[in-house]
PDB file of N, CA and C in Angstrom:
ATOM      1  N   UNK A   1     -23.904 -62.253 -73.353  1.00  0.00           N
ATOM      2  CA  UNK A   1     -23.634 -61.697 -72.042  1.00  0.00           C
ATOM      3  C   UNK A   1     -22.218 -61.139 -72.005  1.00  0.00           C
ATOM      4  N   UNK A   2     -22.033 -60.037 -71.300  1.00  0.00           N
ATOM      5  CA  UNK A   2     -20.737 -59.394 -71.208  1.00  0.00           C
ATOM      6  C   UNK A   2     -19.907 -60.020 -70.104  1.00  0.00           C
ATOM      7  N   UNK A   3     -18.619 -60.160 -70.364  1.00  0.00           N
ATOM      8  CA  UNK A   3     -17.748 -60.630 -69.301  1.00  0.00           C
ATOM      9  C   UNK A   3     -17.337 -59.442 -68.440  1.00  0.00           C
ATOM     10  N   UNK A   4     -16.803 -59.736 -67.279  1.00  0.00           N
ATOM     11  CA  UNK A   4     -16.475 -58.689 -66.314  1.00  0.00           C
ATOM     12  C   UNK A   4     -15.393 -57.746 -66.834  1.00  0.00           C
ATOM     13  N   UNK A   5     -14.472 -58.223 -67.653  1.00  0.00           N
ATOM     14  CA  UNK A   5     -13.362 -57.387 -68.072  1.00  0.00           C
ATOM     15  C   UNK A   5     -13.509 -56.832 -69.490  1.00  0.00           C
ATOM     16  N   UNK A   6     -14.727 -56.682 -69.984  1.00  0.00           N
ATOM     17  CA  UNK A   6     -14.916 -56.058 -71.279  1.00  0.00           C
ATOM     18  C   UNK A   6     -14.656 -54.569 -71.160  1.00  0.00           C
ATOM     19  N   UNK A   7     -14.239 -53.914 -72.239  1.00  0.00           N
ATOM     20  CA  UNK A   7     -14.010 -52.468 -72.183  1.00  0.00           C
ATOM     21  C   UNK A   7     -15.256 -51.701 -71.745  1.00  0.00           C
ATOM     22  N   UNK A   8     -16.448 -52.198 -72.105  1.00  0.00           N
ATOM     23  CA  UNK A   8     -17.673 -51.505 -71.727  1.00  0.00           C
ATOM     24  C   UNK A   8     -17.822 -51.489 -70.209  1.00  0.00           C
ATOM     25  N   UNK A   9     -17.549 -52.619 -69.541  1.00  0.00           N
ATOM     26  CA  UNK A   9     -17.661 -52.669 -68.082  1.00  0.00           C
ATOM     27  C   UNK A   9     -16.576 -51.837 -67.415  1.00  0.00           C
ATOM     28  N   UNK A  10     -15.387 -51.808 -68.000  1.00  0.00           N
ATOM     29  CA  UNK A  10     -14.315 -50.973 -67.458  1.00  0.00           C
ATOM     30  C   UNK A  10     -14.689 -49.504 -67.568  1.00  0.00           C
ATOM     31  N   UNK A  11     -15.282 -49.107 -68.671  1.00  0.00           N
ATOM     32  CA  UNK A  11     -15.679 -47.706 -68.827  1.00  0.00           C
ATOM     33  C   UNK A  11     -16.826 -47.365 -67.876  1.00  0.00           C
ATOM     34  N   UNK A  12     -17.723 -48.309 -67.622  1.00  0.00           N
ATOM     35  CA  UNK A  12     -18.797 -48.078 -66.662  1.00  0.00           C
ATOM     36  C   UNK A  12     -18.217 -47.907 -65.262  1.00  0.00           C
ATOM     37  N   UNK A  13     -17.301 -48.763 -64.881  1.00  0.00           N
ATOM     38  CA  UNK A  13     -16.670 -48.654 -63.571  1.00  0.00           C
ATOM     39  C   UNK A  13     -15.939 -47.318 -63.446  1.00  0.00           C
ATOM     40  N   UNK A  14     -15.252 -46.913 -64.499  1.00  0.00           N
ATOM     41  CA  UNK A  14     -14.558 -45.623 -64.492  1.00  0.00           C
ATOM     42  C   UNK A  14     -15.556 -44.477 -64.327  1.00  0.00           C
ATOM     43  N   UNK A  15     -16.687 -44.536 -65.025  1.00  0.00           N
ATOM     44  CA  UNK A  15     -17.700 -43.484 -64.927  1.00  0.00           C
ATOM     45  C   UNK A  15     -18.288 -43.417 -63.521  1.00  0.00           C
ATOM     46  N   UNK A  16     -18.577 -44.568 -62.924  1.00  0.00           N
ATOM     47  CA  UNK A  16     -19.109 -44.597 -61.559  1.00  0.00           C
ATOM     48  C   UNK A  16     -18.104 -44.006 -60.576  1.00  0.00           C
ATOM     49  N   UNK A  17     -16.833 -44.407 -60.712  1.00  0.00           N
ATOM     50  CA  UNK A  17     -15.798 -43.889 -59.825  1.00  0.00           C
ATOM     51  C   UNK A  17     -15.614 -42.390 -60.006  1.00  0.00           C
ATOM     52  N   UNK A  18     -15.667 -41.923 -61.261  1.00  0.00           N
ATOM     53  CA  UNK A  18     -15.551 -40.494 -61.540  1.00  0.00           C
ATOM     54  C   UNK A  18     -16.698 -39.728 -60.885  1.00  0.00           C
ATOM     55  N   UNK A  19     -17.899 -40.268 -60.964  1.00  0.00           N
ATOM     56  CA  UNK A  19     -19.066 -39.633 -60.370  1.00  0.00           C
ATOM     57  C   UNK A  19     -18.904 -39.528 -58.849  1.00  0.00           C
ATOM     58  N   UNK A  20     -18.514 -40.619 -58.211  1.00  0.00           N
ATOM     59  CA  UNK A  20     -18.368 -40.633 -56.754  1.00  0.00           C
ATOM     60  C   UNK A  20     -17.225 -39.710 -56.323  1.00  0.00           C
ATOM     61  N   UNK A  21     -16.114 -39.718 -57.057  1.00  0.00           N
ATOM     62  CA  UNK A  21     -14.998 -38.815 -56.719  1.00  0.00           C
ATOM     63  C   UNK A  21     -15.428 -37.354 -56.825  1.00  0.00           C
ATOM     64  N   UNK A  22     -16.172 -37.028 -57.878  1.00  0.00           N
ATOM     65  CA  UNK A  22     -16.637 -35.645 -58.055  1.00  0.00           C
ATOM     66  C   UNK A  22     -17.598 -35.250 -56.937  1.00  0.00           C
ATOM     67  N   UNK A  23     -18.476 -36.156 -56.524  1.00  0.00           N
ATOM     68  CA  UNK A  23     -19.399 -35.867 -55.431  1.00  0.00           C
ATOM     69  C   UNK A  23     -18.655 -35.722 -54.106  1.00  0.00           C
ATOM     70  N   UNK A  24     -17.624 -36.534 -53.912  1.00  0.00           N
ATOM     71  CA  UNK A  24     -16.804 -36.416 -52.707  1.00  0.00           C
ATOM     72  C   UNK A  24     -16.090 -35.058 -52.703  1.00  0.00           C
ATOM     73  N   UNK A  25     -15.565 -34.673 -53.857  1.00  0.00           N
ATOM     74  CA  UNK A  25     -14.892 -33.372 -53.968  1.00  0.00           C
ATOM     75  C   UNK A  25     -15.873 -32.232 -53.719  1.00  0.00           C
ATOM     76  N   UNK A  26     -17.077 -32.356 -54.242  1.00  0.00           N
ATOM     77  CA  UNK A  26     -18.100 -31.334 -54.029  1.00  0.00           C
ATOM     78  C   UNK A  26     -18.418 -31.195 -52.539  1.00  0.00           C
ATOM     79  N   UNK A  27     -18.450 -32.321 -51.849  1.00  0.00           N
ATOM     80  CA  UNK A  27     -18.758 -32.303 -50.417  1.00  0.00           C
ATOM     81  C   UNK A  27     -17.608 -31.729 -49.603  1.00  0.00           C
ATOM     82  N   UNK A  28     -16.373 -32.065 -49.957  1.00  0.00           N
ATOM     83  CA  UNK A  28     -15.227 -31.639 -49.151  1.00  0.00           C
ATOM     84  C   UNK A  28     -14.657 -30.292 -49.580  1.00  0.00           C
ATOM     85  N   UNK A  29     -14.791 -29.954 -50.868  1.00  0.00           N
ATOM     86  CA  UNK A  29     -14.260 -28.685 -51.384  1.00  0.00           C
ATOM     87  C   UNK A  29     -15.298 -28.050 -52.306  1.00  0.00           C
ATOM     88  N   UNK A  30     -16.369 -27.506 -51.731  1.00  0.00           N
ATOM     89  CA  UNK A  30     -17.477 -27.000 -52.554  1.00  0.00           C
ATOM     90  C   UNK A  30     -17.113 -25.814 -53.440  1.00  0.00           C
ATOM     91  N   UNK A  31     -15.972 -25.211 -53.233  1.00  0.00           N
ATOM     92  CA  UNK A  31     -15.544 -24.075 -54.042  1.00  0.00           C
ATOM     93  C   UNK A  31     -14.915 -24.497 -55.374  1.00  0.00           C
ATOM     94  N   UNK A  32     -14.613 -25.775 -55.549  1.00  0.00           N
ATOM     95  CA  UNK A  32     -14.036 -26.255 -56.804  1.00  0.00           C
ATOM     96  C   UNK A  32     -15.145 -26.663 -57.769  1.00  0.00           C
ATOM     97  N   UNK A  33     -14.983 -26.376 -59.063  1.00  0.00           N
ATOM     98  CA  UNK A  33     -16.018 -26.754 -60.039  1.00  0.00           C
ATOM     99  C   UNK A  33     -15.990 -28.250 -60.334  1.00  0.00           C
ATOM    100  N   UNK A  34     -17.162 -28.891 -60.318  1.00  0.00           N
ATOM    101  CA  UNK A  34     -17.252 -30.323 -60.611  1.00  0.00           C
ATOM    102  C   UNK A  34     -18.341 -30.624 -61.638  1.00  0.00           C
ATOM    103  N   UNK A  35     -18.997 -29.606 -62.153  1.00  0.00           N
ATOM    104  CA  UNK A  35     -20.117 -29.804 -63.064  1.00  0.00           C
ATOM    105  C   UNK A  35     -19.721 -30.678 -64.256  1.00  0.00           C
ATOM    106  N   UNK A  36     -18.597 -30.403 -64.863  1.00  0.00           N
ATOM    107  CA  UNK A  36     -18.159 -31.157 -66.036  1.00  0.00           C
ATOM    108  C   UNK A  36     -17.936 -32.626 -65.743  1.00  0.00           C
ATOM    109  N   UNK A  37     -17.303 -32.921 -64.609  1.00  0.00           N
ATOM    110  CA  UNK A  37     -17.057 -34.309 -64.235  1.00  0.00           C
ATOM    111  C   UNK A  37     -18.369 -35.045 -63.979  1.00  0.00           C
ATOM    112  N   UNK A  38     -19.298 -34.374 -63.294  1.00  0.00           N
ATOM    113  CA  UNK A  38     -20.599 -34.997 -63.038  1.00  0.00           C
ATOM    114  C   UNK A  38     -21.341 -35.259 -64.338  1.00  0.00           C
ATOM    115  N   UNK A  39     -21.362 -34.268 -65.223  1.00  0.00           N
ATOM    116  CA  UNK A  39     -22.058 -34.415 -66.498  1.00  0.00           C
ATOM    117  C   UNK A  39     -21.468 -35.562 -67.314  1.00  0.00           C
ATOM    118  N   UNK A  40     -20.139 -35.604 -67.407  1.00  0.00           N
ATOM    119  CA  UNK A  40     -19.471 -36.649 -68.193  1.00  0.00           C
ATOM    120  C   UNK A  40     -19.749 -38.033 -67.621  1.00  0.00           C
ATOM    121  N   UNK A  41     -19.674 -38.165 -66.312  1.00  0.00           N
ATOM    122  CA  UNK A  41     -19.926 -39.463 -65.679  1.00  0.00           C
ATOM    123  C   UNK A  41     -21.365 -39.923 -65.909  1.00  0.00           C
ATOM    124  N   UNK A  42     -22.333 -39.019 -65.735  1.00  0.00           N
ATOM    125  CA  UNK A  42     -23.738 -39.389 -65.963  1.00  0.00           C
ATOM    126  C   UNK A  42     -23.982 -39.742 -67.426  1.00  0.00           C
ATOM    127  N   UNK A  43     -23.368 -39.001 -68.337  1.00  0.00           N
ATOM    128  CA  UNK A  43     -23.504 -39.302 -69.765  1.00  0.00           C
ATOM    129  C   UNK A  43     -22.943 -40.684 -70.082  1.00  0.00           C
ATOM    130  N   UNK A  44     -21.784 -41.016 -69.513  1.00  0.00           N
ATOM    131  CA  UNK A  44     -21.170 -42.316 -69.776  1.00  0.00           C
ATOM    132  C   UNK A  44     -21.998 -43.457 -69.183  1.00  0.00           C
ATOM    133  N   UNK A  45     -22.571 -43.249 -68.011  1.00  0.00           N
ATOM    134  CA  UNK A  45     -23.442 -44.267 -67.406  1.00  0.00           C
ATOM    135  C   UNK A  45     -24.677 -44.467 -68.276  1.00  0.00           C
ATOM    136  N   UNK A  46     -25.256 -43.382 -68.748  1.00  0.00           N
ATOM    137  CA  UNK A  46     -26.411 -43.459 -69.644  1.00  0.00           C
ATOM    138  C   UNK A  46     -26.058 -44.208 -70.927  1.00  0.00           C
ATOM    139  N   UNK A  47     -24.927 -43.873 -71.499  1.00  0.00           N
ATOM    140  CA  UNK A  47     -24.480 -44.517 -72.741  1.00  0.00           C
ATOM    141  C   UNK A  47     -24.308 -46.020 -72.543  1.00  0.00           C
ATOM    142  N   UNK A  48     -23.703 -46.413 -71.426  1.00  0.00           N
ATOM    143  CA  UNK A  48     -23.516 -47.834 -71.156  1.00  0.00           C
ATOM    144  C   UNK A  48     -24.862 -48.551 -71.042  1.00  0.00           C
ATOM    145  N   UNK A  49     -25.782 -47.984 -70.273  1.00  0.00           N
ATOM    146  CA  UNK A  49     -27.094 -48.605 -70.105  1.00  0.00           C
ATOM    147  C   UNK A  49     -27.833 -48.764 -71.414  1.00  0.00           C
ATOM    148  N   UNK A  50     -27.746 -47.753 -72.277  1.00  0.00           N
ATOM    149  CA  UNK A  50     -28.418 -47.821 -73.570  1.00  0.00           C
ATOM    150  C   UNK A  50     -27.767 -48.861 -74.487  1.00  0.00           C
ATOM    151  N   UNK A  51     -26.442 -48.877 -74.529  1.00  0.00           N
ATOM    152  CA  UNK A  51     -25.743 -49.835 -75.402  1.00  0.00           C
ATOM    153  C   UNK A  51     -25.920 -51.273 -74.932  1.00  0.00           C
ATOM    154  N   UNK A  52     -25.848 -51.492 -73.640  1.00  0.00           N
ATOM    155  CA  UNK A  52     -25.979 -52.844 -73.091  1.00  0.00           C
ATOM    156  C   UNK A  52     -27.437 -53.250 -72.910  1.00  0.00           C
ATOM    157  N   UNK A  53     -28.358 -52.297 -73.067  1.00  0.00           N
ATOM    158  CA  UNK A  53     -29.787 -52.548 -72.856  1.00  0.00           C
ATOM    159  C   UNK A  53     -30.035 -53.166 -71.485  1.00  0.00           C
ATOM    160  N   UNK A  54     -29.440 -52.512 -70.455  1.00  0.00           N
ATOM    161  CA  UNK A  54     -29.611 -52.994 -69.096  1.00  0.00           C
ATOM    162  C   UNK A  54     -29.701 -51.819 -68.129  1.00  0.00           C
ATOM    163  N   UNK A  55     -30.384 -52.058 -67.020  1.00  0.00           N
ATOM    164  CA  UNK A  55     -30.423 -51.070 -65.952  1.00  0.00           C
ATOM    165  C   UNK A  55     -29.080 -51.082 -65.240  1.00  0.00           C
ATOM    166  N   UNK A  56     -28.656 -49.922 -64.762  1.00  0.00           N
ATOM    167  CA  UNK A  56     -27.345 -49.793 -64.139  1.00  0.00           C
ATOM    168  C   UNK A  56     -27.512 -49.294 -62.705  1.00  0.00           C
ATOM    169  N   UNK A  57     -26.944 -50.025 -61.763  1.00  0.00           N
ATOM    170  CA  UNK A  57     -26.867 -49.554 -60.391  1.00  0.00           C
ATOM    171  C   UNK A  57     -25.751 -48.531 -60.346  1.00  0.00           C
ATOM    172  N   UNK A  58     -26.088 -47.282 -60.085  1.00  0.00           N
ATOM    173  CA  UNK A  58     -25.093 -46.219 -60.090  1.00  0.00           C
ATOM    174  C   UNK A  58     -24.312 -46.241 -58.783  1.00  0.00           C
ATOM    175  N   UNK A  59     -25.006 -46.173 -57.639  1.00  0.00           N
ATOM    176  CA  UNK A  59     -24.359 -46.310 -56.340  1.00  0.00           C
ATOM    177  C   UNK A  59     -25.406 -46.425 -55.238  1.00  0.00           C
ATOM    178  N   UNK A  60     -25.000 -47.007 -54.091  1.00  0.00           N
ATOM    179  CA  UNK A  60     -25.888 -46.983 -52.930  1.00  0.00           C
ATOM    180  C   UNK A  60     -25.863 -45.579 -52.324  1.00  0.00           C
ATOM    181  N   UNK A  61     -27.016 -45.142 -51.817  1.00  0.00           N
ATOM    182  CA  UNK A  61     -27.121 -43.792 -51.269  1.00  0.00           C
ATOM    183  C   UNK A  61     -27.101 -43.807 -49.753  1.00  0.00           C
ATOM    184  N   UNK A  62     -26.701 -42.687 -49.190  1.00  0.00           N
ATOM    185  CA  UNK A  62     -26.674 -42.490 -47.753  1.00  0.00           C
ATOM    186  C   UNK A  62     -27.981 -41.848 -47.323  1.00  0.00           C
ATOM    187  N   UNK A  63     -28.619 -42.178 -46.257  1.00  0.00           N
ATOM    188  CA  UNK A  63     -28.280 -43.265 -45.343  1.00  0.00           C
ATOM    189  C   UNK A  63     -28.782 -44.609 -45.848  1.00  0.00           C
ATOM    190  N   UNK A  64     -29.821 -44.616 -46.662  1.00  0.00           N
ATOM    191  CA  UNK A  64     -30.342 -45.863 -47.216  1.00  0.00           C
ATOM    192  C   UNK A  64     -30.961 -45.571 -48.569  1.00  0.00           C
ATOM    193  N   UNK A  65     -30.789 -46.479 -49.480  1.00  0.00           N
ATOM    194  CA  UNK A  65     -31.374 -46.317 -50.806  1.00  0.00           C
ATOM    195  C   UNK A  65     -30.357 -46.603 -51.895  1.00  0.00           C
ATOM    196  N   UNK A  66     -30.821 -46.517 -53.139  1.00  0.00           N
ATOM    197  CA  UNK A  66     -29.953 -46.757 -54.293  1.00  0.00           C
ATOM    198  C   UNK A  66     -30.318 -45.797 -55.412  1.00  0.00           C
ATOM    199  N   UNK A  67     -29.315 -45.492 -56.215  1.00  0.00           N
ATOM    200  CA  UNK A  67     -29.509 -44.675 -57.399  1.00  0.00           C
ATOM    201  C   UNK A  67     -29.293 -45.573 -58.609  1.00  0.00           C
ATOM    202  N   UNK A  68     -30.286 -45.616 -59.498  1.00  0.00           N
ATOM    203  CA  UNK A  68     -30.267 -46.477 -60.682  1.00  0.00           C
ATOM    204  C   UNK A  68     -30.379 -45.643 -61.948  1.00  0.00           C
ATOM    205  N   UNK A  69     -29.874 -46.205 -63.054  1.00  0.00           N
ATOM    206  CA  UNK A  69     -30.198 -45.696 -64.380  1.00  0.00           C
ATOM    207  C   UNK A  69     -31.075 -46.758 -65.035  1.00  0.00           C
ATOM    208  N   UNK A  70     -32.259 -46.372 -65.478  1.00  0.00           N
ATOM    209  CA  UNK A  70     -33.190 -47.288 -66.132  1.00  0.00           C
ATOM    210  C   UNK A  70     -33.158 -47.038 -67.635  1.00  0.00           C
ATOM    211  N   UNK A  71     -32.650 -48.010 -68.375  1.00  0.00           N
ATOM    212  CA  UNK A  71     -32.417 -47.803 -69.803  1.00  0.00           C
ATOM    213  C   UNK A  71     -33.709 -47.670 -70.608  1.00  0.00           C
ATOM    214  N   UNK A  72     -34.757 -48.395 -70.264  1.00  0.00           N
ATOM    215  CA  UNK A  72     -35.993 -48.327 -71.054  1.00  0.00           C
ATOM    216  C   UNK A  72     -36.670 -46.963 -70.937  1.00  0.00           C
ATOM    217  N   UNK A  73     -36.596 -46.363 -69.750  1.00  0.00           N
ATOM    218  CA  UNK A  73     -37.201 -45.051 -69.529  1.00  0.00           C
ATOM    219  C   UNK A  73     -36.228 -43.919 -69.833  1.00  0.00           C
ATOM    220  N   UNK A  74     -34.934 -44.243 -69.975  1.00  0.00           N
ATOM    221  CA  UNK A  74     -33.867 -43.262 -70.164  1.00  0.00           C
ATOM    222  C   UNK A  74     -33.910 -42.218 -69.051  1.00  0.00           C
ATOM    223  N   UNK A  75     -34.041 -42.705 -67.828  1.00  0.00           N
ATOM    224  CA  UNK A  75     -34.134 -41.833 -66.654  1.00  0.00           C
ATOM    225  C   UNK A  75     -33.369 -42.467 -65.495  1.00  0.00           C
ATOM    226  N   UNK A  76     -33.020 -41.630 -64.544  1.00  0.00           N
ATOM    227  CA  UNK A  76     -32.403 -42.096 -63.310  1.00  0.00           C
ATOM    228  C   UNK A  76     -33.501 -42.245 -62.266  1.00  0.00           C
ATOM    229  N   UNK A  77     -33.304 -43.195 -61.361  1.00  0.00           N
ATOM    230  CA  UNK A  77     -34.298 -43.471 -60.338  1.00  0.00           C
ATOM    231  C   UNK A  77     -33.612 -43.507 -58.980  1.00  0.00           C
ATOM    232  N   UNK A  78     -34.041 -42.620 -58.089  1.00  0.00           N
ATOM    233  CA  UNK A  78     -33.573 -42.642 -56.706  1.00  0.00           C
ATOM    234  C   UNK A  78     -34.598 -43.439 -55.916  1.00  0.00           C
ATOM    235  N   UNK A  79     -34.185 -44.587 -55.424  1.00  0.00           N
ATOM    236  CA  UNK A  79     -35.067 -45.481 -54.669  1.00  0.00           C
ATOM    237  C   UNK A  79     -34.738 -45.348 -53.196  1.00  0.00           C
ATOM    238  N   UNK A  80     -35.690 -44.792 -52.440  1.00  0.00           N
ATOM    239  CA  UNK A  80     -35.527 -44.576 -50.997  1.00  0.00           C
ATOM    240  C   UNK A  80     -36.519 -45.472 -50.264  1.00  0.00           C
ATOM    241  N   UNK A  81     -36.108 -46.697 -49.886  1.00  0.00           N
ATOM    242  CA  UNK A  81     -37.052 -47.661 -49.324  1.00  0.00           C
ATOM    243  C   UNK A  81     -37.575 -47.305 -47.934  1.00  0.00           C
ATOM    244  N   UNK A  82     -36.786 -46.588 -47.138  1.00  0.00           N
ATOM    245  CA  UNK A  82     -37.226 -46.300 -45.766  1.00  0.00           C
ATOM    246  C   UNK A  82     -38.515 -45.487 -45.745  1.00  0.00           C
ATOM    247  N   UNK A  83     -38.586 -44.363 -46.461  1.00  0.00           N
ATOM    248  CA  UNK A  83     -39.894 -43.700 -46.514  1.00  0.00           C
ATOM    249  C   UNK A  83     -40.787 -44.266 -47.621  1.00  0.00           C
ATOM    250  N   UNK A  84     -40.253 -45.171 -48.459  1.00  0.00           N
ATOM    251  CA  UNK A  84     -41.047 -45.756 -49.539  1.00  0.00           C
ATOM    252  C   UNK A  84     -41.244 -44.816 -50.711  1.00  0.00           C
ATOM    253  N   UNK A  85     -40.204 -44.081 -51.069  1.00  0.00           N
ATOM    254  CA  UNK A  85     -40.290 -43.093 -52.149  1.00  0.00           C
ATOM    255  C   UNK A  85     -39.348 -43.486 -53.280  1.00  0.00           C
ATOM    256  N   UNK A  86     -39.822 -43.337 -54.500  1.00  0.00           N
ATOM    257  CA  UNK A  86     -38.955 -43.442 -55.668  1.00  0.00           C
ATOM    258  C   UNK A  86     -39.113 -42.155 -56.469  1.00  0.00           C
ATOM    259  N   UNK A  87     -37.982 -41.606 -56.900  1.00  0.00           N
ATOM    260  CA  UNK A  87     -37.977 -40.346 -57.633  1.00  0.00           C
ATOM    261  C   UNK A  87     -37.338 -40.591 -58.985  1.00  0.00           C
ATOM    262  N   UNK A  88     -38.067 -40.284 -60.051  1.00  0.00           N
ATOM    263  CA  UNK A  88     -37.582 -40.453 -61.412  1.00  0.00           C
ATOM    264  C   UNK A  88     -37.069 -39.110 -61.914  1.00  0.00           C
ATOM    265  N   UNK A  89     -35.842 -39.109 -62.451  1.00  0.00           N
ATOM    266  CA  UNK A  89     -35.193 -37.873 -62.874  1.00  0.00           C
ATOM    267  C   UNK A  89     -34.539 -38.031 -64.244  1.00  0.00           C
ATOM    268  N   UNK A  90     -34.574 -36.956 -65.024  1.00  0.00           N
ATOM    269  CA  UNK A  90     -33.781 -36.930 -66.249  1.00  0.00           C
ATOM    270  C   UNK A  90     -32.323 -36.718 -65.854  1.00  0.00           C
ATOM    271  N   UNK A  91     -31.427 -36.835 -66.797  1.00  0.00           N
ATOM    272  CA  UNK A  91     -30.013 -36.614 -66.525  1.00  0.00           C
ATOM    273  C   UNK A  91     -29.782 -35.192 -66.026  1.00  0.00           C
ATOM    274  N   UNK A  92     -30.433 -34.216 -66.634  1.00  0.00           N
ATOM    275  CA  UNK A  92     -30.262 -32.817 -66.242  1.00  0.00           C
ATOM    276  C   UNK A  92     -30.827 -32.562 -64.839  1.00  0.00           C
ATOM    277  N   UNK A  93     -31.977 -33.149 -64.537  1.00  0.00           N
ATOM    278  CA  UNK A  93     -32.560 -32.988 -63.201  1.00  0.00           C
ATOM    279  C   UNK A  93     -31.676 -33.615 -62.134  1.00  0.00           C
ATOM    280  N   UNK A  94     -31.113 -34.792 -62.434  1.00  0.00           N
ATOM    281  CA  UNK A  94     -30.227 -35.441 -61.479  1.00  0.00           C
ATOM    282  C   UNK A  94     -28.966 -34.606 -61.279  1.00  0.00           C
ATOM    283  N   UNK A  95     -28.416 -34.077 -62.339  1.00  0.00           N
ATOM    284  CA  UNK A  95     -27.224 -33.239 -62.236  1.00  0.00           C
ATOM    285  C   UNK A  95     -27.480 -32.047 -61.318  1.00  0.00           C
ATOM    286  N   UNK A  96     -28.599 -31.363 -61.513  1.00  0.00           N
ATOM    287  CA  UNK A  96     -28.958 -30.241 -60.643  1.00  0.00           C
ATOM    288  C   UNK A  96     -29.116 -30.689 -59.195  1.00  0.00           C
ATOM    289  N   UNK A  97     -29.777 -31.829 -58.980  1.00  0.00           N
ATOM    290  CA  UNK A  97     -29.989 -32.336 -57.626  1.00  0.00           C
ATOM    291  C   UNK A  97     -28.665 -32.696 -56.954  1.00  0.00           C
ATOM    292  N   UNK A  98     -27.756 -33.323 -57.694  1.00  0.00           N
ATOM    293  CA  UNK A  98     -26.461 -33.691 -57.124  1.00  0.00           C
ATOM    294  C   UNK A  98     -25.661 -32.450 -56.736  1.00  0.00           C
ATOM    295  N   UNK A  99     -25.719 -31.422 -57.570  1.00  0.00           N
ATOM    296  CA  UNK A  99     -25.002 -30.184 -57.256  1.00  0.00           C
ATOM    297  C   UNK A  99     -25.565 -29.494 -56.009  1.00  0.00           C
ATOM    298  N   UNK A 100     -26.837 -29.732 -55.723  1.00  0.00           N
ATOM    299  CA  UNK A 100     -27.466 -29.157 -54.524  1.00  0.00           C
ATOM    300  C   UNK A 100     -27.291 -30.042 -53.291  1.00  0.00           C
ATOM    301  N   UNK A 101     -26.655 -31.206 -53.462  1.00  0.00           N
ATOM    302  CA  UNK A 101     -26.394 -32.084 -52.327  1.00  0.00           C
ATOM    303  C   UNK A 101     -27.400 -33.197 -52.131  1.00  0.00           C
ATOM    304  N   UNK A 102     -28.341 -33.347 -53.044  1.00  0.00           N
ATOM    305  CA  UNK A 102     -29.323 -34.430 -52.925  1.00  0.00           C
ATOM    306  C   UNK A 102     -28.716 -35.753 -53.379  1.00  0.00           C
ATOM    307  N   UNK A 103     -29.237 -36.843 -52.852  1.00  0.00           N
ATOM    308  CA  UNK A 103     -28.869 -38.215 -53.241  1.00  0.00           C
ATOM    309  C   UNK A 103     -27.380 -38.499 -53.067  1.00  0.00           C
ATOM    310  N   UNK A 104     -26.828 -38.244 -51.878  1.00  0.00           N
ATOM    311  CA  UNK A 104     -25.395 -38.483 -51.672  1.00  0.00           C
ATOM    312  C   UNK A 104     -25.071 -39.972 -51.672  1.00  0.00           C
ATOM    313  N   UNK A 105     -23.910 -40.331 -52.227  1.00  0.00           N
ATOM    314  CA  UNK A 105     -23.504 -41.740 -52.192  1.00  0.00           C
ATOM    315  C   UNK A 105     -23.053 -42.134 -50.801  1.00  0.00           C
ATOM    316  N   UNK A 106     -23.071 -43.412 -50.563  1.00  0.00           N
ATOM    317  CA  UNK A 106     -22.589 -43.980 -49.308  1.00  0.00           C
ATOM    318  C   UNK A 106     -21.071 -44.090 -49.432  1.00  0.00           C
ATOM    319  N   UNK A 107     -20.343 -43.217 -48.765  1.00  0.00           N
ATOM    320  CA  UNK A 107     -18.885 -43.179 -48.872  1.00  0.00           C
ATOM    321  C   UNK A 107     -18.230 -44.100 -47.866  1.00  0.00           C
ATOM    322  N   UNK A 108     -17.064 -44.628 -48.256  1.00  0.00           N
ATOM    323  CA  UNK A 108     -16.198 -45.308 -47.307  1.00  0.00           C
ATOM    324  C   UNK A 108     -15.144 -44.305 -46.898  1.00  0.00           C
ATOM    325  N   UNK A 109     -14.196 -44.696 -46.078  1.00  0.00           N
ATOM    326  CA  UNK A 109     -13.139 -43.784 -45.651  1.00  0.00           C
ATOM    327  C   UNK A 109     -12.248 -43.348 -46.807  1.00  0.00           C
ATOM    328  N   UNK A 110     -12.161 -44.147 -47.868  1.00  0.00           N
ATOM    329  CA  UNK A 110     -11.303 -43.799 -49.004  1.00  0.00           C
ATOM    330  C   UNK A 110     -12.011 -42.882 -49.997  1.00  0.00           C
ATOM    331  N   UNK A 111     -13.302 -42.644 -49.805  1.00  0.00           N
ATOM    332  CA  UNK A 111     -14.024 -41.771 -50.723  1.00  0.00           C
ATOM    333  C   UNK A 111     -14.754 -42.510 -51.813  1.00  0.00           C
ATOM    334  N   UNK A 112     -14.607 -43.845 -51.877  1.00  0.00           N
ATOM    335  CA  UNK A 112     -15.342 -44.603 -52.876  1.00  0.00           C
ATOM    336  C   UNK A 112     -16.598 -45.177 -52.237  1.00  0.00           C
ATOM    337  N   UNK A 113     -17.489 -45.703 -53.076  1.00  0.00           N
ATOM    338  CA  UNK A 113     -18.696 -46.300 -52.520  1.00  0.00           C
ATOM    339  C   UNK A 113     -18.368 -47.639 -51.897  1.00  0.00           C
ATOM    340  N   UNK A 114     -19.269 -48.116 -51.078  1.00  0.00           N
ATOM    341  CA  UNK A 114     -19.011 -49.370 -50.357  1.00  0.00           C
ATOM    342  C   UNK A 114     -19.590 -50.564 -51.084  1.00  0.00           C
ATOM    343  N   UNK A 115     -19.496 -50.580 -52.398  1.00  0.00           N
ATOM    344  CA  UNK A 115     -20.025 -51.706 -53.171  1.00  0.00           C
ATOM    345  C   UNK A 115     -19.194 -52.933 -52.960  1.00  0.00           C
TER     346      UNK A 115
END
């Protein structure tokens, strides 16, 4: 089992924060390019899930739901419990959806997720 302060967990936390910051920037300043940051963050989250052989909670979504990375399927899963929908996406499909404004994270006033 991994301890909380292993480099792998630190890199996962960094990737999650990078993803949320890029999505916040996309929402507040849509004229700035964020594709590279989103791609890198999703790649790092995928890499962590595969190496650790565990599913990764990426972030809680607004207004309700969660975004997961499922290592066995090598796909992202948007779980929307209110309408009872789950959407399975490849990394590329999720990247396109995020750029279009789908699956927004639940932001706090500081721009980070409320985990």
